PDB file of N, CA and C in Angstrom:
ATOM      1  N   MET A   1      27.796 113.553  58.980  1.00  0.00           N
ATOM      2  CA  MET A   1      27.803 112.639  60.110  1.00  0.00           C
ATOM      3  C   MET A   1      26.361 112.344  60.524  1.00  0.00           C
ATOM      4  N   GLU A   2      26.030 111.098  60.604  1.00  0.00           N
ATOM      5  CA  GLU A   2      24.674 110.713  60.929  1.00  0.00           C
ATOM      6  C   GLU A   2      24.334 111.127  62.357  1.00  0.00           C
ATOM      7  N   GLY A   3      23.172 111.687  62.545  1.00  0.00           N
ATOM      8  CA  GLY A   3      22.726 112.076  63.868  1.00  0.00           C
ATOM      9  C   GLY A   3      23.144 113.475  64.278  1.00  0.00           C
ATOM     10  N   LYS A   4      24.016 114.102  63.490  1.00  0.00           N
ATOM     11  CA  LYS A   4      24.513 115.425  63.861  1.00  0.00           C
ATOM     12  C   LYS A   4      23.386 116.441  63.888  1.00  0.00           C
ATOM     13  N   ASN A   5      22.519 116.384  62.918  1.00  0.00           N
ATOM     14  CA  ASN A   5      21.398 117.315  62.844  1.00  0.00           C
ATOM     15  C   ASN A   5      20.088 116.617  63.207  1.00  0.00           C
ATOM     16  N   CYS A   6      20.182 115.698  64.091  1.00  0.00           N
ATOM     17  CA  CYS A   6      19.028 114.897  64.501  1.00  0.00           C
ATOM     18  C   CYS A   6      17.996 115.763  65.217  1.00  0.00           C
ATOM     19  N   GLU A   7      16.757 115.570  64.836  1.00  0.00           N
ATOM     20  CA  GLU A   7      15.678 116.232  65.553  1.00  0.00           C
ATOM     21  C   GLU A   7      15.171 115.248  66.595  1.00  0.00           C
ATOM     22  N   CYS A   8      15.692 115.384  67.797  1.00  0.00           N
ATOM     23  CA  CYS A   8      15.334 114.468  68.873  1.00  0.00           C
ATOM     24  C   CYS A   8      14.002 114.861  69.483  1.00  0.00           C
ATOM     25  N   LYS A   9      13.239 113.883  69.838  1.00  0.00           N
ATOM     26  CA  LYS A   9      11.954 114.141  70.473  1.00  0.00           C
ATOM     27  C   LYS A   9      12.204 114.460  71.948  1.00  0.00           C
ATOM     28  N   THR A  10      11.809 115.659  72.338  1.00  0.00           N
ATOM     29  CA  THR A  10      12.002 116.071  73.730  1.00  0.00           C
ATOM     30  C   THR A  10      10.686 116.408  74.398  1.00  0.00           C
ATOM     31  N   ASP A  11       9.607 115.929  73.834  1.00  0.00           N
ATOM     32  CA  ASP A  11       8.296 116.265  74.373  1.00  0.00           C
ATOM     33  C   ASP A  11       7.765 115.192  75.321  1.00  0.00           C
ATOM     34  N   ILE A  12       8.660 114.444  75.930  1.00  0.00           N
ATOM     35  CA  ILE A  12       8.245 113.424  76.888  1.00  0.00           C
ATOM     36  C   ILE A  12       7.574 114.126  78.064  1.00  0.00           C
ATOM     37  N   ARG A  13       6.491 113.609  78.481  1.00  0.00           N
ATOM     38  CA  ARG A  13       5.731 114.243  79.561  1.00  0.00           C
ATOM     39  C   ARG A  13       6.094 113.608  80.894  1.00  0.00           C
ATOM     40  N   TYR A  14       7.046 114.220  81.562  1.00  0.00           N
ATOM     41  CA  TYR A  14       7.514 113.693  82.842  1.00  0.00           C
ATOM     42  C   TYR A  14       6.436 113.745  83.916  1.00  0.00           C
ATOM     43  N   ALA A  15       5.553 114.709  83.821  1.00  0.00           N
ATOM     44  CA  ALA A  15       4.514 114.860  84.839  1.00  0.00           C
ATOM     45  C   ALA A  15       3.582 113.648  84.891  1.00  0.00           C
ATOM     46  N   GLU A  16       3.511 112.911  83.790  1.00  0.00           N
ATOM     47  CA  GLU A  16       2.639 111.739  83.768  1.00  0.00           C
ATOM     48  C   GLU A  16       3.161 110.624  84.667  1.00  0.00           C
ATOM     49  N   ASN A  17       4.465 110.631  84.949  1.00  0.00           N
ATOM     50  CA  ASN A  17       5.078 109.609  85.782  1.00  0.00           C
ATOM     51  C   ASN A  17       5.920 110.267  86.875  1.00  0.00           C
ATOM     52  N   PRO A  18       5.274 110.900  87.836  1.00  0.00           N
ATOM     53  CA  PRO A  18       6.039 111.574  88.884  1.00  0.00           C
ATOM     54  C   PRO A  18       6.793 110.559  89.741  1.00  0.00           C
ATOM     55  N   LEU A  19       7.882 111.026  90.329  1.00  0.00           N
ATOM     56  CA  LEU A  19       8.677 110.159  91.189  1.00  0.00           C
ATOM     57  C   LEU A  19       8.024 110.020  92.553  1.00  0.00           C
ATOM     58  N   ALA A  20       7.998 108.791  93.033  1.00  0.00           N
ATOM     59  CA  ALA A  20       7.536 108.556  94.398  1.00  0.00           C
ATOM     60  C   ALA A  20       8.651 108.989  95.352  1.00  0.00           C
ATOM     61  N   GLU A  21       8.302 109.224  96.599  1.00  0.00           N
ATOM     62  CA  GLU A  21       9.304 109.629  97.591  1.00  0.00           C
ATOM     63  C   GLU A  21      10.439 108.623  97.696  1.00  0.00           C
ATOM     64  N   VAL A  22      10.106 107.357  97.677  1.00  0.00           N
ATOM     65  CA  VAL A  22      11.132 106.321  97.797  1.00  0.00           C
ATOM     66  C   VAL A  22      12.051 106.332  96.583  1.00  0.00           C
ATOM     67  N   GLU A  23      11.508 106.610  95.409  1.00  0.00           N
ATOM     68  CA  GLU A  23      12.335 106.699  94.202  1.00  0.00           C
ATOM     69  C   GLU A  23      13.259 107.907  94.251  1.00  0.00           C
ATOM     70  N   GLN A  24      12.742 109.024  94.712  1.00  0.00           N
ATOM     71  CA  GLN A  24      13.570 110.226  94.843  1.00  0.00           C
ATOM     72  C   GLN A  24      14.697 109.988  95.832  1.00  0.00           C
ATOM     73  N   ALA A  25      14.410 109.318  96.935  1.00  0.00           N
ATOM     74  CA  ALA A  25      15.435 109.013  97.942  1.00  0.00           C
ATOM     75  C   ALA A  25      16.498 108.093  97.357  1.00  0.00           C
ATOM     76  N   MET A  26      16.071 107.099  96.571  1.00  0.00           N
ATOM     77  CA  MET A  26      17.018 106.184  95.944  1.00  0.00           C
ATOM     78  C   MET A  26      17.932 106.940  94.990  1.00  0.00           C
ATOM     79  N   LEU A  27      17.371 107.822  94.173  1.00  0.00           N
ATOM     80  CA  LEU A  27      18.177 108.597  93.229  1.00  0.00           C
ATOM     81  C   LEU A  27      19.157 109.501  93.964  1.00  0.00           C
ATOM     82  N   ASP A  28      18.696 110.114  95.043  1.00  0.00           N
ATOM     83  CA  ASP A  28      19.591 110.962  95.834  1.00  0.00           C
ATOM     84  C   ASP A  28      20.750 110.155  96.398  1.00  0.00           C
ATOM     85  N   LYS A  29      20.470 108.944  96.839  1.00  0.00           N
ATOM     86  CA  LYS A  29      21.498 108.089  97.432  1.00  0.00           C
ATOM     87  C   LYS A  29      22.496 107.604  96.386  1.00  0.00           C
ATOM     88  N   VAL A  30      21.998 107.171  95.241  1.00  0.00           N
ATOM     89  CA  VAL A  30      22.834 106.553  94.220  1.00  0.00           C
ATOM     90  C   VAL A  30      23.635 107.574  93.410  1.00  0.00           C
ATOM     91  N   PHE A  31      23.042 108.730  93.123  1.00  0.00           N
ATOM     92  CA  PHE A  31      23.682 109.687  92.231  1.00  0.00           C
ATOM     93  C   PHE A  31      24.220 110.921  92.947  1.00  0.00           C
ATOM     94  N   THR A  32      24.663 110.727  94.174  1.00  0.00           N
ATOM     95  CA  THR A  32      25.270 111.795  94.957  1.00  0.00           C
ATOM     96  C   THR A  32      26.671 111.359  95.358  1.00  0.00           C
ATOM     97  N   TYR A  33      27.612 112.299  95.324  1.00  0.00           N
ATOM     98  CA  TYR A  33      28.973 111.996  95.769  1.00  0.00           C
ATOM     99  C   TYR A  33      28.964 111.804  97.271  1.00  0.00           C
ATOM    100  N   HIS A  34      29.616 110.752  97.719  1.00  0.00           N
ATOM    101  CA  HIS A  34      29.710 110.451  99.139  1.00  0.00           C
ATOM    102  C   HIS A  34      31.175 110.568  99.547  1.00  0.00           C
ATOM    103  N   ALA A  35      31.528 111.690 100.138  1.00  0.00           N
ATOM    104  CA  ALA A  35      32.910 111.897 100.578  1.00  0.00           C
ATOM    105  C   ALA A  35      33.242 110.888 101.678  1.00  0.00           C
ATOM    106  N   PRO A  36      34.435 110.286 101.604  1.00  0.00           N
ATOM    107  CA  PRO A  36      34.820 109.320 102.633  1.00  0.00           C
ATOM    108  C   PRO A  36      34.893 109.974 104.011  1.00  0.00           C
ATOM    109  N   GLU A  37      34.478 109.221 105.008  1.00  0.00           N
ATOM    110  CA  GLU A  37      34.499 109.696 106.385  1.00  0.00           C
ATOM    111  C   GLU A  37      35.149 108.649 107.277  1.00  0.00           C
ATOM    112  N   GLY A  38      35.724 109.101 108.351  1.00  0.00           N
ATOM    113  CA  GLY A  38      36.261 108.196 109.368  1.00  0.00           C
ATOM    114  C   GLY A  38      37.218 107.166 108.800  1.00  0.00           C
ATOM    115  N   ASP A  39      36.925 105.901 109.079  1.00  0.00           N
ATOM    116  CA  ASP A  39      37.821 104.820 108.652  1.00  0.00           C
ATOM    117  C   ASP A  39      37.475 104.260 107.275  1.00  0.00           C
ATOM    118  N   GLN A  40      36.557 104.889 106.566  1.00  0.00           N
ATOM    119  CA  GLN A  40      36.158 104.375 105.251  1.00  0.00           C
ATOM    120  C   GLN A  40      37.330 104.241 104.284  1.00  0.00           C
ATOM    121  N   PRO A  41      38.209 105.252 104.144  1.00  0.00           N
ATOM    122  CA  PRO A  41      39.328 105.080 103.200  1.00  0.00           C
ATOM    123  C   PRO A  41      40.176 103.853 103.503  1.00  0.00           C
ATOM    124  N   ALA A  42      40.423 103.580 104.759  1.00  0.00           N
ATOM    125  CA  ALA A  42      41.216 102.407 105.136  1.00  0.00           C
ATOM    126  C   ALA A  42      40.483 101.117 104.760  1.00  0.00           C
ATOM    127  N   ARG A  43      39.175 101.105 104.906  1.00  0.00           N
ATOM    128  CA  ARG A  43      38.392  99.929 104.539  1.00  0.00           C
ATOM    129  C   ARG A  43      38.380  99.725 103.035  1.00  0.00           C
ATOM    130  N   TYR A  44      38.318 100.814 102.261  1.00  0.00           N
ATOM    131  CA  TYR A  44      38.407 100.701 100.803  1.00  0.00           C
ATOM    132  C   TYR A  44      39.737 100.071 100.411  1.00  0.00           C
ATOM    133  N   VAL A  45      40.813 100.526 101.037  1.00  0.00           N
ATOM    134  CA  VAL A  45      42.149  99.983 100.741  1.00  0.00           C
ATOM    135  C   VAL A  45      42.199  98.505 101.101  1.00  0.00           C
ATOM    136  N   ALA A  46      41.651  98.142 102.246  1.00  0.00           N
ATOM    137  CA  ALA A  46      41.659  96.730 102.667  1.00  0.00           C
ATOM    138  C   ALA A  46      40.929  95.854 101.657  1.00  0.00           C
ATOM    139  N   LEU A  47      39.781  96.321 101.187  1.00  0.00           N
ATOM    140  CA  LEU A  47      39.032  95.550 100.187  1.00  0.00           C
ATOM    141  C   LEU A  47      39.820  95.405  98.895  1.00  0.00           C
ATOM    142  N   ARG A  48      40.418  96.508  98.424  1.00  0.00           N
ATOM    143  CA  ARG A  48      41.206  96.455  97.184  1.00  0.00           C
ATOM    144  C   ARG A  48      42.414  95.541  97.344  1.00  0.00           C
ATOM    145  N   ASP A  49      43.096  95.647  98.484  1.00  0.00           N
ATOM    146  CA  ASP A  49      44.287  94.814  98.702  1.00  0.00           C
ATOM    147  C   ASP A  49      43.941  93.329  98.697  1.00  0.00           C
ATOM    148  N   ARG A  50      42.867  92.965  99.400  1.00  0.00           N
ATOM    149  CA  ARG A  50      42.484  91.550  99.456  1.00  0.00           C
ATOM    150  C   ARG A  50      42.026  91.073  98.077  1.00  0.00           C
ATOM    151  N   ALA A  51      41.300  91.909  97.344  1.00  0.00           N
ATOM    152  CA  ALA A  51      40.853  91.540  95.995  1.00  0.00           C
ATOM    153  C   ALA A  51      42.051  91.361  95.068  1.00  0.00           C
ATOM    154  N   ARG A  52      43.066  92.212  95.232  1.00  0.00           N
ATOM    155  CA  ARG A  52      44.258  92.073  94.397  1.00  0.00           C
ATOM    156  C   ARG A  52      44.959  90.737  94.677  1.00  0.00           C
ATOM    157  N   GLU A  53      45.045  90.350  95.941  1.00  0.00           N
ATOM    158  CA  GLU A  53      45.647  89.057  96.290  1.00  0.00           C
ATOM    159  C   GLU A  53      44.897  87.928  95.579  1.00  0.00           C
ATOM    160  N   TYR A  54      43.584  87.992  95.621  1.00  0.00           N
ATOM    161  CA  TYR A  54      42.787  86.962  94.987  1.00  0.00           C
ATOM    162  C   TYR A  54      42.947  87.006  93.461  1.00  0.00           C
ATOM    163  N   ALA A  55      43.022  88.211  92.908  1.00  0.00           N
ATOM    164  CA  ALA A  55      43.217  88.364  91.460  1.00  0.00           C
ATOM    165  C   ALA A  55      44.533  87.731  91.030  1.00  0.00           C
ATOM    166  N   GLU A  56      45.574  87.943  91.822  1.00  0.00           N
ATOM    167  CA  GLU A  56      46.866  87.323  91.494  1.00  0.00           C
ATOM    168  C   GLU A  56      46.759  85.802  91.522  1.00  0.00           C
ATOM    169  N   LEU A  57      46.017  85.271  92.486  1.00  0.00           N
ATOM    170  CA  LEU A  57      45.820  83.825  92.566  1.00  0.00           C
ATOM    171  C   LEU A  57      45.081  83.311  91.334  1.00  0.00           C
ATOM    172  N   VAL A  58      44.053  84.027  90.924  1.00  0.00           N
ATOM    173  CA  VAL A  58      43.302  83.632  89.723  1.00  0.00           C
ATOM    174  C   VAL A  58      44.220  83.625  88.505  1.00  0.00           C
ATOM    175  N   ILE A  59      45.028  84.663  88.353  1.00  0.00           N
ATOM    176  CA  ILE A  59      45.928  84.737  87.200  1.00  0.00           C
ATOM    177  C   ILE A  59      46.955  83.614  87.226  1.00  0.00           C
ATOM    178  N   ARG A  60      47.466  83.294  88.410  1.00  0.00           N
ATOM    179  CA  ARG A  60      48.469  82.221  88.517  1.00  0.00           C
ATOM    180  C   ARG A  60      47.879  80.833  88.262  1.00  0.00           C
ATOM    181  N   LEU A  61      46.624  80.616  88.670  1.00  0.00           N
ATOM    182  CA  LEU A  61      46.062  79.272  88.610  1.00  0.00           C
ATOM    183  C   LEU A  61      45.166  78.999  87.405  1.00  0.00           C
ATOM    184  N   ALA A  62      44.556  80.023  86.861  1.00  0.00           N
ATOM    185  CA  ALA A  62      43.621  79.812  85.752  1.00  0.00           C
ATOM    186  C   ALA A  62      44.282  80.212  84.435  1.00  0.00           C
ATOM    187  N   PRO A  63      44.117  79.393  83.413  1.00  0.00           N
ATOM    188  CA  PRO A  63      44.717  79.752  82.126  1.00  0.00           C
ATOM    189  C   PRO A  63      44.050  80.981  81.519  1.00  0.00           C
ATOM    190  N   ALA A  64      44.833  81.743  80.770  1.00  0.00           N
ATOM    191  CA  ALA A  64      44.295  82.911  80.077  1.00  0.00           C
ATOM    192  C   ALA A  64      43.140  82.460  79.198  1.00  0.00           C
ATOM    193  N   SER A  65      41.982  83.087  79.402  1.00  0.00           N
ATOM    194  CA  SER A  65      40.781  82.666  78.680  1.00  0.00           C
ATOM    195  C   SER A  65      39.684  83.689  78.914  1.00  0.00           C
ATOM    196  N   ARG A  66      38.629  83.514  78.186  1.00  0.00           N
ATOM    197  CA  ARG A  66      37.450  84.368  78.382  1.00  0.00           C
ATOM    198  C   ARG A  66      36.950  84.217  79.812  1.00  0.00           C
ATOM    199  N   GLU A  67      36.941  82.988  80.301  1.00  0.00           N
ATOM    200  CA  GLU A  67      36.444  82.726  81.647  1.00  0.00           C
ATOM    201  C   GLU A  67      37.286  83.441  82.707  1.00  0.00           C
ATOM    202  N   ARG A  68      38.616  83.411  82.519  1.00  0.00           N
ATOM    203  CA  ARG A  68      39.472  84.119  83.468  1.00  0.00           C
ATOM    204  C   ARG A  68      39.216  85.618  83.402  1.00  0.00           C
ATOM    205  N   SER A  69      39.034  86.142  82.196  1.00  0.00           N
ATOM    206  CA  SER A  69      38.725  87.562  82.050  1.00  0.00           C
ATOM    207  C   SER A  69      37.424  87.921  82.761  1.00  0.00           C
ATOM    208  N   LEU A  70      36.436  87.062  82.630  1.00  0.00           N
ATOM    209  CA  LEU A  70      35.171  87.292  83.316  1.00  0.00           C
ATOM    210  C   LEU A  70      35.355  87.245  84.833  1.00  0.00           C
ATOM    211  N   ALA A  71      36.154  86.309  85.302  1.00  0.00           N
ATOM    212  CA  ALA A  71      36.427  86.229  86.743  1.00  0.00           C
ATOM    213  C   ALA A  71      37.074  87.509  87.239  1.00  0.00           C
ATOM    214  N   MET A  72      38.010  88.041  86.462  1.00  0.00           N
ATOM    215  CA  MET A  72      38.676  89.280  86.857  1.00  0.00           C
ATOM    216  C   MET A  72      37.684  90.448  86.862  1.00  0.00           C
ATOM    217  N   THR A  73      36.813  90.491  85.869  1.00  0.00           N
ATOM    218  CA  THR A  73      35.799  91.552  85.821  1.00  0.00           C
ATOM    219  C   THR A  73      34.880  91.468  87.025  1.00  0.00           C
ATOM    220  N   LYS A  74      34.446  90.259  87.354  1.00  0.00           N
ATOM    221  CA  LYS A  74      33.558  90.083  88.504  1.00  0.00           C
ATOM    222  C   LYS A  74      34.259  90.472  89.798  1.00  0.00           C
ATOM    223  N   LEU A  75      35.536  90.209  89.884  1.00  0.00           N
ATOM    224  CA  LEU A  75      36.289  90.595  91.073  1.00  0.00           C
ATOM    225  C   LEU A  75      36.349  92.120  91.195  1.00  0.00           C
ATOM    226  N   GLU A  76      36.532  92.792  90.076  1.00  0.00           N
ATOM    227  CA  GLU A  76      36.474  94.264  90.084  1.00  0.00           C
ATOM    228  C   GLU A  76      35.100  94.738  90.555  1.00  0.00           C
ATOM    229  N   GLU A  77      34.061  94.055  90.090  1.00  0.00           N
ATOM    230  CA  GLU A  77      32.709  94.423  90.494  1.00  0.00           C
ATOM    231  C   GLU A  77      32.506  94.219  91.988  1.00  0.00           C
ATOM    232  N   VAL A  78      33.069  93.163  92.532  1.00  0.00           N
ATOM    233  CA  VAL A  78      32.970  92.913  93.971  1.00  0.00           C
ATOM    234  C   VAL A  78      33.518  94.101  94.747  1.00  0.00           C
ATOM    235  N   VAL A  79      34.695  94.568  94.360  1.00  0.00           N
ATOM    236  CA  VAL A  79      35.308  95.709  95.042  1.00  0.00           C
ATOM    237  C   VAL A  79      34.425  96.945  94.879  1.00  0.00           C
ATOM    238  N   PHE A  80      33.969  97.185  93.665  1.00  0.00           N
ATOM    239  CA  PHE A  80      33.124  98.348  93.414  1.00  0.00           C
ATOM    240  C   PHE A  80      31.886  98.330  94.301  1.00  0.00           C
ATOM    241  N   TRP A  81      31.161  97.225  94.298  1.00  0.00           N
ATOM    242  CA  TRP A  81      29.907  97.168  95.034  1.00  0.00           C
ATOM    243  C   TRP A  81      30.135  97.162  96.540  1.00  0.00           C
ATOM    244  N   ALA A  82      31.200  96.552  97.007  1.00  0.00           N
ATOM    245  CA  ALA A  82      31.509  96.605  98.440  1.00  0.00           C
ATOM    246  C   ALA A  82      31.812  98.043  98.860  1.00  0.00           C
ATOM    247  N   ASN A  83      32.597  98.746  98.042  1.00  0.00           N
ATOM    248  CA  ASN A  83      32.884 100.148  98.335  1.00  0.00           C
ATOM    249  C   ASN A  83      31.609 100.984  98.289  1.00  0.00           C
ATOM    250  N   ALA A  84      30.750 100.719  97.320  1.00  0.00           N
ATOM    251  CA  ALA A  84      29.491 101.455  97.224  1.00  0.00           C
ATOM    252  C   ALA A  84      28.623 101.202  98.447  1.00  0.00           C
ATOM    253  N   ALA A  85      28.617  99.969  98.945  1.00  0.00           N
ATOM    254  CA  ALA A  85      27.842  99.659 100.138  1.00  0.00           C
ATOM    255  C   ALA A  85      28.311 100.508 101.321  1.00  0.00           C
ATOM    256  N   ILE A  86      29.621 100.639 101.450  1.00  0.00           N
ATOM    257  CA  ILE A  86      30.165 101.462 102.537  1.00  0.00           C
ATOM    258  C   ILE A  86      29.795 102.931 102.323  1.00  0.00           C
ATOM    259  N   ALA A  87      30.054 103.426 101.125  1.00  0.00           N
ATOM    260  CA  ALA A  87      29.837 104.845 100.847  1.00  0.00           C
ATOM    261  C   ALA A  87      28.378 105.255 100.937  1.00  0.00           C
ATOM    262  N   ARG A  88      27.502 104.432 100.428  1.00  0.00           N
ATOM    263  CA  ARG A  88      26.091 104.815 100.336  1.00  0.00           C
ATOM    264  C   ARG A  88      25.277 104.546 101.589  1.00  0.00           C
ATOM    265  N   ASN A  89      25.789 103.702 102.463  1.00  0.00           N
ATOM    266  CA  ASN A  89      24.955 103.257 103.588  1.00  0.00           C
ATOM    267  C   ASN A  89      25.489 103.618 104.961  1.00  0.00           C
ATOM    268  N   GLU A  90      26.425 104.513 105.011  1.00  0.00           N
ATOM    269  CA  GLU A  90      26.923 104.945 106.324  1.00  0.00           C
ATOM    270  C   GLU A  90      26.790 106.438 106.461  1.00  0.00           C
TER     271      GLU A  90
END
C-alpha cells in the first residue's frame, strides 16, 4: 500500500512562526466545543425548521440539477454558519 511506510517530514520548526495572541484566541474559539446554553437549542431548532421549509420550496420549484444540489448545499451551510455564530459568539 502506497504511503504505508512513508517517511514523513516532521522537522517543521514551529518556533519560527509563533502564534500571535489574536491567532491563539481565534483557534480557541473555533476549535473548542461550545455546549448549548439558555435558549440556544431552541434557536438552533428554529433555524433548522425555517431552512427545511425553504429547502422543500426549492425542491418543489427547481428542477433536479447540479444547480439545485448546490442550492441545497448552500442552505445547509447557512444553517451551519448561523448555528456557529450563536455557539461561538455568546
